[in-house]
Amino acid sequence: MESNMFDEILSVDLKPFVGLGDILKIPLILLLVGCLFYSFMLFLKVRILMDTVESTGSSKVKVLTYLNLSISLLVSIVGTIIIVLG
């Protein structure tokens, strides 16, 4: 009876709760946030440039910048959800 109890106590395995996959998720999320930050900074840069310099193609650049920002935002959100759930 006593040896059975000691065998059960000694046979408990402690598994680490943080795996390699969890550790690798953090840099991927930071990379996505960095890409989103870069896209936002590009948007601000183009907006400031448009306010200071008048050109004929400024409306096209503004549309492309908005498109870049919206696509980056969408991809970053979806990518973060996939990384967290994966």
Protein backbone atom coordinates (compact mmCIF):
# COMPACT_ATOMS: atom_id res chain seq x y z
CA MET A 1 0.00 0.00 0.00
CA GLU A 2 2.71 2.50 0.94
CA SER A 3 4.94 1.71 -2.04
CA ASN A 4 1.98 2.23 -4.39
CA MET A 5 1.40 5.72 -3.02
CA PHE A 6 5.08 6.66 -3.31
CA ASP A 7 5.23 5.33 -6.87
CA GLU A 8 2.28 7.54 -7.83
CA ILE A 9 3.86 10.61 -6.24
CA LEU A 10 7.19 10.05 -7.97
CA SER A 11 5.64 9.30 -11.37
CA VAL A 12 4.11 12.78 -11.83
CA ASP A 13 5.57 14.48 -14.91
CA LEU A 14 5.70 18.23 -15.06
CA LYS A 15 5.43 19.43 -18.66
CA PRO A 16 6.48 22.96 -19.60
CA PHE A 17 3.48 25.12 -20.39
CA VAL A 18 5.36 27.28 -22.90
CA GLY A 19 6.45 25.47 -26.03
CA LEU A 20 8.66 26.42 -28.92
CA GLY A 21 5.64 27.33 -31.03
CA ASP A 22 4.44 29.80 -28.42
CA ILE A 23 7.85 31.42 -28.24
CA LEU A 24 7.98 31.82 -32.04
CA LYS A 25 4.54 33.45 -32.14
CA ILE A 26 5.76 36.58 -30.38
CA PRO A 27 8.32 37.63 -33.05
CA LEU A 28 5.79 36.96 -35.81
CA ILE A 29 3.22 39.19 -34.14
CA LEU A 30 5.87 41.87 -33.63
CA LEU A 31 6.79 41.60 -37.32
CA LEU A 32 3.17 42.12 -38.35
CA VAL A 33 2.84 45.10 -36.01
CA GLY A 34 6.07 46.53 -37.47
CA CYS A 35 4.73 46.21 -41.01
CA LEU A 36 1.53 47.92 -39.95
CA PHE A 37 3.52 50.72 -38.30
CA TYR A 38 5.60 51.14 -41.47
CA SER A 39 2.45 51.38 -43.57
CA PHE A 40 0.99 53.99 -41.25
CA MET A 41 4.20 56.01 -41.34
CA LEU A 42 4.17 55.84 -45.16
CA PHE A 43 0.62 57.16 -45.09
CA LEU A 44 1.66 60.08 -42.90
CA LYS A 45 4.72 60.79 -45.05
CA VAL A 46 2.69 60.94 -48.25
CA ARG A 47 0.04 63.08 -46.59
CA ILE A 48 2.62 65.60 -45.38
CA LEU A 49 4.26 65.60 -48.81
CA MET A 50 0.91 66.25 -50.49
CA ASP A 51 0.26 69.20 -48.18
CA THR A 52 3.60 70.80 -48.98
CA VAL A 53 3.99 70.07 -52.71
CA GLU A 54 1.28 70.28 -55.34
CA SER A 55 1.51 67.80 -58.20
CA THR A 56 -0.82 66.35 -60.82
CA GLY A 57 -0.57 62.74 -59.61
CA SER A 58 -1.17 63.44 -55.94
CA SER A 59 -4.70 62.03 -55.95
CA LYS A 60 -3.46 58.70 -57.34
CA VAL A 61 -0.73 58.53 -54.72
CA LYS A 62 -3.26 59.29 -52.00
CA VAL A 63 -5.55 56.48 -53.20
CA LEU A 64 -2.63 54.04 -53.41
CA THR A 65 -1.51 54.98 -49.91
CA TYR A 66 -4.99 54.48 -48.48
CA LEU A 67 -5.17 51.15 -50.29
CA ASN A 68 -1.77 50.12 -48.91
CA LEU A 69 -2.79 51.07 -45.38
CA SER A 70 -6.12 49.24 -45.55
CA ILE A 71 -4.57 46.08 -47.01
CA SER A 72 -1.80 46.13 -44.42
CA LEU A 73 -4.32 46.57 -41.64
CA LEU A 74 -6.46 43.70 -42.90
CA VAL A 75 -3.50 41.35 -43.42
CA SER A 76 -2.06 42.21 -39.99
CA ILE A 77 -5.35 41.51 -38.21
CA VAL A 78 -5.94 38.24 -40.06
CA GLY A 79 -2.31 37.18 -39.62
CA THR A 80 -2.38 37.90 -35.91
CA ILE A 81 -5.59 35.91 -35.50
CA ILE A 82 -4.10 32.97 -37.41
CA ILE A 83 -0.89 33.09 -35.36
CA VAL A 84 -2.70 33.28 -32.03
CA LEU A 85 -5.16 30.50 -32.88
CA GLY A 86 -2.56 28.29 -34.62
